[in-house]
C-alpha atoms as a PDB file:
ATOM      1  CA  MET A   1      -0.055   0.228   0.336  1.00  0.00           C
ATOM      2  CA  ARG A   2       1.567   3.242  -1.054  1.00  0.00           C
ATOM      3  CA  SER A   3       1.998   5.894   1.721  1.00  0.00           C
ATOM      4  CA  ALA A   4      -0.061   9.297   0.885  1.00  0.00           C
ATOM      5  CA  SER A   5       2.503  11.392   1.902  1.00  0.00           C
ATOM      6  CA  ARG A   6       4.849   9.832  -0.509  1.00  0.00           C
ATOM      7  CA  ALA A   7       5.222  10.861  -4.474  1.00  0.00           C
ATOM      8  CA  PRO A   8       4.693   7.965  -6.785  1.00  0.00           C
ATOM      9  CA  HIS A   9       7.697   6.696  -9.095  1.00  0.00           C
ATOM     10  CA  LEU A  10       8.443   7.736 -12.487  1.00  0.00           C
ATOM     11  CA  PRO A  11       7.147   5.721 -14.870  1.00  0.00           C
ATOM     12  CA  LYS A  12       9.046   2.780 -15.507  1.00  0.00           C
ATOM     13  CA  HIS A  13       9.711   3.741 -19.539  1.00  0.00           C
ATOM     14  CA  ILE A  14      10.705   7.337 -18.131  1.00  0.00           C
ATOM     15  CA  GLN A  15      13.223   5.245 -15.409  1.00  0.00           C
ATOM     16  CA  THR A  16      14.137   3.201 -18.539  1.00  0.00           C
ATOM     17  CA  LEU A  17      15.002   5.912 -20.711  1.00  0.00           C
ATOM     18  CA  PHE A  18      16.609   7.926 -18.449  1.00  0.00           C
ATOM     19  CA  LEU A  19      19.273   5.069 -17.459  1.00  0.00           C
ATOM     20  CA  VAL A  20      19.764   3.875 -21.130  1.00  0.00           C
ATOM     21  CA  PHE A  21      20.228   7.826 -22.325  1.00  0.00           C
ATOM     22  CA  PHE A  22      22.363   8.225 -18.858  1.00  0.00           C
ATOM     23  CA  ALA A  23      24.647   5.336 -19.960  1.00  0.00           C
ATOM     24  CA  ALA A  24      24.781   7.110 -23.754  1.00  0.00           C
ATOM     25  CA  ASN A  25      25.487  10.108 -22.338  1.00  0.00           C
ATOM     26  CA  LEU A  26      28.691   8.895 -19.744  1.00  0.00           C
ATOM     27  CA  ILE A  27      30.086   6.616 -23.103  1.00  0.00           C
ATOM     28  CA  HIS A  28      29.896   9.931 -24.870  1.00  0.00           C
ATOM     29  CA  PHE A  29      31.643  11.932 -22.459  1.00  0.00           C
ATOM     30  CA  ALA A  30      33.761   9.912 -21.884  1.00  0.00           C
ATOM     31  CA  HIS A  31      35.144   8.799 -25.391  1.00  0.00           C
ATOM     32  CA  ASN A  32      35.186  12.878 -25.704  1.00  0.00           C
ATOM     33  CA  ALA A  33      37.438  13.197 -22.870  1.00  0.00           C
ATOM     34  CA  GLU A  34      39.984  10.024 -23.061  1.00  0.00           C
ATOM     35  CA  TYR A  35      39.904  10.721 -26.795  1.00  0.00           C
ATOM     36  CA  ILE A  36      39.913  14.292 -27.388  1.00  0.00           C
ATOM     37  CA  ALA A  37      42.783  15.330 -28.951  1.00  0.00           C
ATOM     38  CA  PHE A  38      41.645  12.831 -31.966  1.00  0.00           C
ATOM     39  CA  TYR A  39      38.091  14.326 -32.283  1.00  0.00           C
ATOM     40  CA  PRO A  40      38.499  17.030 -35.056  1.00  0.00           C
ATOM     41  CA  GLY A  41      37.900  20.909 -34.684  1.00  0.00           C
ATOM     42  CA  ILE A  42      37.920  20.419 -30.763  1.00  0.00           C
ATOM     43  CA  PRO A  43      39.575  23.738 -29.150  1.00  0.00           C
ATOM     44  CA  SER A  44      42.537  23.754 -27.650  1.00  0.00           C
ATOM     45  CA  TRP A  45      41.276  25.437 -24.672  1.00  0.00           C
ATOM     46  CA  LEU A  46      38.806  22.069 -23.938  1.00  0.00           C
ATOM     47  CA  THR A  47      41.177  19.868 -21.499  1.00  0.00           C
ATOM     48  CA  ARG A  48      39.816  16.098 -20.498  1.00  0.00           C
ATOM     49  CA  GLU A  49      39.035  17.296 -17.056  1.00  0.00           C
ATOM     50  CA  ARG A  50      36.360  20.411 -18.534  1.00  0.00           C
ATOM     51  CA  VAL A  51      35.148  17.268 -20.204  1.00  0.00           C
ATOM     52  CA  TYR A  52      33.933  15.282 -17.084  1.00  0.00           C
ATOM     53  CA  LEU A  53      32.949  18.598 -15.059  1.00  0.00           C
ATOM     54  CA  ALA A  54      30.766  18.908 -17.999  1.00  0.00           C
ATOM     55  CA  TRP A  55      29.647  15.462 -18.158  1.00  0.00           C
ATOM     56  CA  ILE A  56      28.896  16.294 -14.080  1.00  0.00           C
ATOM     57  CA  ALA A  57      27.177  19.638 -14.258  1.00  0.00           C
ATOM     58  CA  GLY A  58      24.467  18.003 -17.008  1.00  0.00           C
ATOM     59  CA  VAL A  59      24.040  15.258 -15.071  1.00  0.00           C
ATOM     60  CA  SER A  60      23.554  16.780 -11.914  1.00  0.00           C
ATOM     61  CA  ILE A  61      19.561  18.385 -13.706  1.00  0.00           C
ATOM     62  CA  GLY A  62      19.103  15.076 -14.476  1.00  0.00           C
ATOM     63  CA  LEU A  63      19.360  13.860 -11.181  1.00  0.00           C
ATOM     64  CA  LEU A  64      18.123  17.136  -9.747  1.00  0.00           C
ATOM     65  CA  GLY A  65      15.186  16.433 -11.945  1.00  0.00           C
ATOM     66  CA  LEU A  66      14.534  12.970 -10.457  1.00  0.00           C
ATOM     67  CA  LEU A  67      14.196  14.280  -6.911  1.00  0.00           C
ATOM     68  CA  LEU A  68      11.957  16.677  -7.810  1.00  0.00           C
ATOM     69  CA  SER A  69       9.849  14.419  -9.356  1.00  0.00           C
ATOM     70  CA  ARG A  70       9.433  12.260  -6.024  1.00  0.00           C
ATOM     71  CA  THR A  71       8.046  15.657  -4.323  1.00  0.00           C
ATOM     72  CA  ARG A  72       5.314  17.915  -5.221  1.00  0.00           C
ATOM     73  CA  LEU A  73       7.311  19.334  -7.681  1.00  0.00           C
ATOM     74  CA  ARG A  74       7.202  16.522 -10.281  1.00  0.00           C
ATOM     75  CA  ALA A  75       5.768  18.371 -13.462  1.00  0.00           C
ATOM     76  CA  ALA A  76       9.395  20.826 -12.425  1.00  0.00           C
ATOM     77  CA  GLY A  77      11.249  17.406 -11.516  1.00  0.00           C
ATOM     78  CA  LEU A  78      10.194  15.982 -15.336  1.00  0.00           C
ATOM     79  CA  GLY A  79      10.790  19.886 -16.900  1.00  0.00           C
ATOM     80  CA  LEU A  80      14.538  19.108 -15.621  1.00  0.00           C
ATOM     81  CA  ILE A  81      14.592  15.486 -16.785  1.00  0.00           C
ATOM     82  CA  ALA A  82      13.609  16.626 -19.946  1.00  0.00           C
ATOM     83  CA  ALA A  83      16.246  19.591 -20.136  1.00  0.00           C
ATOM     84  CA  TYR A  84      18.945  16.659 -19.519  1.00  0.00           C
ATOM     85  CA  GLY A  85      17.835  14.659 -22.700  1.00  0.00           C
ATOM     86  CA  ALA A  86      18.286  17.921 -24.580  1.00  0.00           C
ATOM     87  CA  LEU A  87      21.384  18.435 -23.555  1.00  0.00           C
ATOM     88  CA  GLY A  88      22.391  15.219 -25.223  1.00  0.00           C
ATOM     89  CA  ILE A  89      21.189  16.971 -28.939  1.00  0.00           C
ATOM     90  CA  ASP A  90      24.040  19.491 -28.327  1.00  0.00           C
ATOM     91  CA  GLY A  91      26.409  16.382 -29.053  1.00  0.00           C
ATOM     92  CA  LEU A  92      25.146  16.491 -32.904  1.00  0.00           C
ATOM     93  CA  ALA A  93      27.224  19.803 -32.072  1.00  0.00           C
ATOM     94  CA  HIS A  94      30.498  17.832 -32.967  1.00  0.00           C
ATOM     95  CA  TYR A  95      28.937  18.425 -36.870  1.00  0.00           C
ATOM     96  CA  THR A  96      29.691  21.943 -36.608  1.00  0.00           C
ATOM     97  CA  LEU A  97      33.443  21.423 -36.127  1.00  0.00           C
ATOM     98  CA  ALA A  98      34.240  19.032 -38.895  1.00  0.00           C
ATOM     99  CA  LEU A  99      31.887  16.765 -40.752  1.00  0.00           C
ATOM    100  CA  CYS A 100      30.784  12.989 -40.039  1.00  0.00           C
ATOM    101  CA  SER A 101      33.351  11.913 -42.372  1.00  0.00           C
ATOM    102  CA  GLU A 102      35.815  12.945 -40.350  1.00  0.00           C
ATOM    103  CA  HIS A 103      35.054  11.473 -37.479  1.00  0.00           C
ATOM    104  CA  THR A 104      35.828   7.922 -36.147  1.00  0.00           C
ATOM    105  CA  LEU A 105      32.732   4.978 -36.464  1.00  0.00           C
ATOM    106  CA  ALA A 106      32.946   5.180 -32.823  1.00  0.00           C
ATOM    107  CA  THR A 107      33.116   8.682 -32.499  1.00  0.00           C
ATOM    108  CA  ASN A 108      29.950   8.738 -34.717  1.00  0.00           C
ATOM    109  CA  LEU A 109      28.548   6.031 -32.863  1.00  0.00           C
ATOM    110  CA  THR A 110      28.597   7.797 -29.178  1.00  0.00           C
ATOM    111  CA  ILE A 111      27.731  11.018 -30.755  1.00  0.00           C
ATOM    112  CA  TRP A 112      24.059   9.384 -32.489  1.00  0.00           C
ATOM    113  CA  PHE A 113      23.633   7.039 -29.447  1.00  0.00           C
ATOM    114  CA  GLU A 114      23.717  10.343 -26.951  1.00  0.00           C
ATOM    115  CA  ALA A 115      21.798  12.414 -29.282  1.00  0.00           C
ATOM    116  CA  LEU A 116      18.825   9.993 -30.103  1.00  0.00           C
ATOM    117  CA  THR A 117      18.233   8.697 -26.302  1.00  0.00           C
ATOM    118  CA  GLY A 118      18.291  12.748 -25.346  1.00  0.00           C
ATOM    119  CA  LEU A 119      15.558  13.596 -28.221  1.00  0.00           C
ATOM    120  CA  GLY A 120      13.559  10.352 -26.512  1.00  0.00           C
ATOM    121  CA  LEU A 121      14.208  11.333 -22.559  1.00  0.00           C
ATOM    122  CA  LEU A 122      13.023  15.024 -24.041  1.00  0.00           C
ATOM    123  CA  LEU A 123      10.035  14.082 -25.599  1.00  0.00           C
ATOM    124  CA  VAL A 124       8.434  11.458 -23.051  1.00  0.00           C
ATOM    125  CA  SER A 125       9.313  13.247 -20.287  1.00  0.00           C
ATOM    126  CA  ALA A 126       7.968  17.062 -21.819  1.00  0.00           C
ATOM    127  CA  VAL A 127       4.688  14.845 -22.257  1.00  0.00           C
ATOM    128  CA  HIS A 128       3.986  13.479 -19.633  1.00  0.00           C
ATOM    129  CA  ALA A 129       5.009  16.501 -17.200  1.00  0.00           C
ATOM    130  CA  ASN A 130       2.367  18.064 -19.867  1.00  0.00           C
ATOM    131  CA  ARG A 131      -0.437  15.344 -19.396  1.00  0.00           C
ATOM    132  CA  GLY A 132      -1.781  17.645 -15.909  1.00  0.00           C
ATOM    133  CA  VAL A 133      -1.251  21.314 -16.676  1.00  0.00           C
ATOM    134  CA  GLY A 134      -4.026  23.457 -18.199  1.00  0.00           C
ATOM    135  CA  ARG A 135      -6.977  20.973 -16.817  1.00  0.00           C
ATOM    136  CA  VAL A 136      -9.394  22.492 -15.088  1.00  0.00           C
ATOM    137  CA  VAL A 137     -10.960  20.159 -12.314  1.00  0.00           C
ATOM    138  CA  PHE A 138     -14.649  20.646 -11.337  1.00  0.00           C
ATOM    139  CA  VAL A 139     -15.918  20.064  -7.697  1.00  0.00           C
ATOM    140  CA  ASP A 140     -19.161  19.610  -6.851  1.00  0.00           C
ATOM    141  CA  PRO A 141     -19.845  21.961  -4.531  1.00  0.00           C
ATOM    142  CA  ALA A 142     -22.775  19.873  -3.175  1.00  0.00           C
ATOM    143  CA  SER A 143     -20.728  16.561  -2.991  1.00  0.00           C
ATOM    144  CA  GLY A 144     -17.604  17.681  -2.923  1.00  0.00           C
ATOM    145  CA  ARG A 145     -16.626  15.672  -5.739  1.00  0.00           C
END
């Protein structure tokens, strides 16, 4: 039996998408950091350490979203989870620095894995957050329903 004061869990499909995107995001950032010298067009100021710090900043948004989604701020939490997913689409910015053909197969796979799973997390979380927004609930004063 669920406690009345405890917020319900996120639906399984959002939890699964979150975990898959988390993995894709970590794989892409780790690949960026460890093979930064081989990424075409990467600015010289971008170091291995800065890549990992950027990953920590991004994942913090997603983790905060998970925490908030378990409170009365569920819609805000889902919004942050959606924003975390949107960060994955930014991986496509690699193609503004160099053509797809200039990247290795592994690089392209990590970019697309992150971007597609991020897009999925963004869309599903945003739709789920929006389900309750804008609904008007009428209560019959006589019956309380």
